[in-house]
Amino acid sequence: MKKFEFQFESVLKMRRHKRSLCRQLLGEILQTDQRLIEQRLQLEQLRQEQFQEIRLRQSAGVVDIDGATSLRFYAGQLQSQIQNVIANRKIIEKQIIACRQALARAEQDVKAMEKLSDKHRDEFLYAQNRKEEMELEETWSATQQMGVVR
């Protein structure tokens, strides 16, 4: 029996590869987003620690202007870094949306080709079965005719 060969197998492989790349890219982008979330939390914690330190220094009753100023300056720098992380997350969110859309399209393309492959396989198998049935009928007819001729 002849083996089924999908005539568009290379297209199907290419579409599967594209889908795989989309999945990989989405995973990388999601990891980047998670790192940004963690970075923001760390920066916010550091900023809170700076304000806590300022409060502790002032609670002693002695005001250290230079120390408080440097702590506030550092807290301001941390706030600036937090804003940068927030801006980067907004960019990442757009990339996530675009990547998910591309992945959905790639998934649809693969499913369409797999459906076409299944249809062609079914047609091939049907044709093969019909051919085998015809051969069996011809063999049976030939044996029946040989029996009558004898």
Protein backbone atom coordinates (compact mmCIF):
# COMPACT_ATOMS: atom_id res chain seq x y z
CA MET A 1 0.00 0.00 0.00
CA LYS A 2 1.22 3.43 -0.94
CA LYS A 3 2.08 5.83 1.91
CA PHE A 4 0.24 9.16 2.22
CA GLU A 5 2.34 12.22 1.48
CA PHE A 6 0.77 15.63 2.10
CA GLN A 7 1.69 17.84 -0.82
CA PHE A 8 1.84 20.95 1.40
CA GLU A 9 3.90 19.36 4.19
CA SER A 10 6.61 22.01 3.86
CA VAL A 11 4.03 24.77 4.29
CA LEU A 12 2.63 23.01 7.35
CA LYS A 13 6.13 22.67 8.84
CA MET A 14 6.83 26.34 8.17
CA ARG A 15 3.58 27.38 9.85
CA ARG A 16 4.29 25.14 12.86
CA HIS A 17 7.75 26.68 13.12
CA LYS A 18 6.27 30.19 12.98
CA ARG A 19 3.81 29.23 15.73
CA SER A 20 6.68 27.86 17.79
CA LEU A 21 8.63 31.10 17.38
CA CYS A 22 5.57 33.12 18.41
CA ARG A 23 5.20 30.99 21.53
CA GLN A 24 8.87 31.39 22.36
CA LEU A 25 8.77 35.15 21.85
CA LEU A 26 5.64 35.46 23.99
CA GLY A 27 7.34 33.48 26.74
CA GLU A 28 10.38 35.75 26.64
CA ILE A 29 8.22 38.87 26.74
CA LEU A 30 6.22 37.50 29.67
CA GLN A 31 9.47 36.75 31.52
CA THR A 32 10.65 40.31 30.89
CA ASP A 33 7.35 41.62 32.21
CA GLN A 34 7.70 39.49 35.35
CA ARG A 35 11.23 40.79 35.90
CA LEU A 36 9.93 44.36 35.59
CA ILE A 37 7.20 43.64 38.13
CA GLU A 38 9.78 42.27 40.55
CA GLN A 39 12.12 45.19 39.90
CA ARG A 40 9.32 47.67 40.63
CA LEU A 41 8.50 45.93 43.89
CA GLN A 42 12.16 46.02 44.94
CA LEU A 43 12.48 49.70 44.05
CA GLU A 44 9.30 50.56 45.93
CA GLN A 45 10.57 48.65 48.95
CA LEU A 46 13.89 50.49 48.84
CA ARG A 47 12.05 53.81 48.56
CA GLN A 48 9.90 52.96 51.58
CA GLU A 49 13.05 52.01 53.50
CA GLN A 50 14.53 55.44 52.74
CA PHE A 51 11.46 57.21 54.12
CA GLN A 52 11.51 54.90 57.14
CA GLU A 53 15.15 55.81 57.73
CA ILE A 54 14.29 59.52 57.54
CA ARG A 55 11.51 59.03 60.11
CA LEU A 56 13.84 57.08 62.41
CA ARG A 57 16.49 59.78 62.25
CA GLN A 58 13.94 62.50 63.02
CA SER A 59 12.34 60.57 65.88
CA ALA A 60 15.58 60.76 67.85
CA GLY A 61 14.95 64.49 68.24
CA VAL A 62 18.01 65.52 66.27
CA VAL A 63 17.48 66.66 62.72
CA ASP A 64 20.28 65.73 60.36
CA ILE A 65 19.62 67.99 57.39
CA ASP A 66 22.42 66.63 55.23
CA GLY A 67 21.48 63.02 55.96
CA ALA A 68 17.77 63.62 55.36
CA THR A 69 18.53 65.50 52.16
CA SER A 70 20.66 62.69 50.77
CA LEU A 71 18.04 60.10 51.73
CA ARG A 72 15.29 62.15 50.06
CA PHE A 73 17.48 62.60 47.00
CA TYR A 74 18.02 58.83 46.80
CA ALA A 75 14.27 58.26 47.30
CA GLY A 76 13.67 60.66 44.40
CA GLN A 77 16.06 58.69 42.22
CA LEU A 78 14.27 55.48 43.15
CA GLN A 79 10.94 57.10 42.23
CA SER A 80 12.40 58.04 38.86
CA GLN A 81 13.51 54.44 38.33
CA ILE A 82 10.03 53.24 39.31
CA GLN A 83 8.54 55.55 36.67
CA ASN A 84 10.95 54.11 34.08
CA VAL A 85 9.87 50.59 35.01
CA ILE A 86 6.20 51.60 34.70
CA ALA A 87 6.88 53.09 31.25
CA ASN A 88 8.73 49.94 30.19
CA ARG A 89 5.84 47.77 31.40
CA LYS A 90 3.44 49.79 29.24
CA ILE A 91 5.64 49.09 26.23
CA ILE A 92 5.84 45.41 27.19
CA GLU A 93 2.04 45.24 27.54
CA LYS A 94 1.67 46.41 23.94
CA GLN A 95 4.21 43.82 22.84
CA ILE A 96 2.34 41.11 24.73
CA ILE A 97 -0.92 42.04 23.00
CA ALA A 98 0.74 42.06 19.56
CA CYS A 99 2.51 38.77 20.26
CA ARG A 100 -0.68 37.08 21.45
CA GLN A 101 -2.46 38.25 18.30
CA ALA A 102 0.37 36.92 16.13
CA LEU A 103 0.28 33.63 18.03
CA ALA A 104 -3.49 33.36 17.53
CA ARG A 105 -3.07 33.94 13.78
CA ALA A 106 -0.24 31.41 13.61
CA GLU A 107 -2.37 28.89 15.51
CA GLN A 108 -5.24 29.42 13.05
CA ASP A 109 -2.88 28.95 10.10
CA VAL A 110 -1.56 25.69 11.53
CA LYS A 111 -5.06 24.40 12.27
CA ALA A 112 -6.17 25.23 8.73
CA MET A 113 -3.25 23.32 7.23
CA GLU A 114 -3.76 20.38 9.58
CA LYS A 115 -7.43 20.28 8.62
CA LEU A 116 -6.44 20.31 4.95
CA SER A 117 -3.93 17.54 5.62
CA ASP A 118 -6.57 15.45 7.36
CA LYS A 119 -8.96 15.98 4.45
CA HIS A 120 -6.32 14.94 1.92
CA ARG A 121 -5.38 11.91 4.06
CA ASP A 122 -9.03 10.84 4.25
CA GLU A 123 -9.40 11.22 0.49
CA PHE A 124 -6.18 9.26 -0.06
CA LEU A 125 -7.30 6.46 2.25
CA TYR A 126 -10.73 6.34 0.62
CA ALA A 127 -9.12 6.10 -2.83
CA GLN A 128 -6.72 3.40 -1.59
CA ASN A 129 -9.57 1.39 -0.10
CA ARG A 130 -11.60 1.70 -3.29
CA LYS A 131 -8.60 0.58 -5.33
CA GLU A 132 -8.04 -2.45 -3.06
CA GLU A 133 -11.73 -3.34 -3.27
CA MET A 134 -11.61 -3.16 -7.05
CA GLU A 135 -8.52 -5.35 -7.15
CA LEU A 136 -10.17 -7.89 -4.83
CA GLU A 137 -13.29 -7.90 -6.97
CA GLU A 138 -11.20 -8.39 -10.11
CA THR A 139 -9.29 -11.21 -8.45
CA TRP A 140 -12.50 -12.81 -7.25
CA SER A 141 -14.09 -12.44 -10.71
CA ALA A 142 -11.00 -13.92 -12.35
CA THR A 143 -11.04 -16.91 -10.00
CA GLN A 144 -14.75 -17.41 -10.57
CA GLN A 145 -14.27 -17.30 -14.34
CA MET A 146 -11.36 -19.72 -14.11
CA GLY A 147 -13.57 -22.11 -12.15
CA VAL A 148 -16.30 -21.93 -14.79
CA VAL A 149 -13.85 -22.44 -17.67
CA ARG A 150 -12.39 -25.63 -16.23
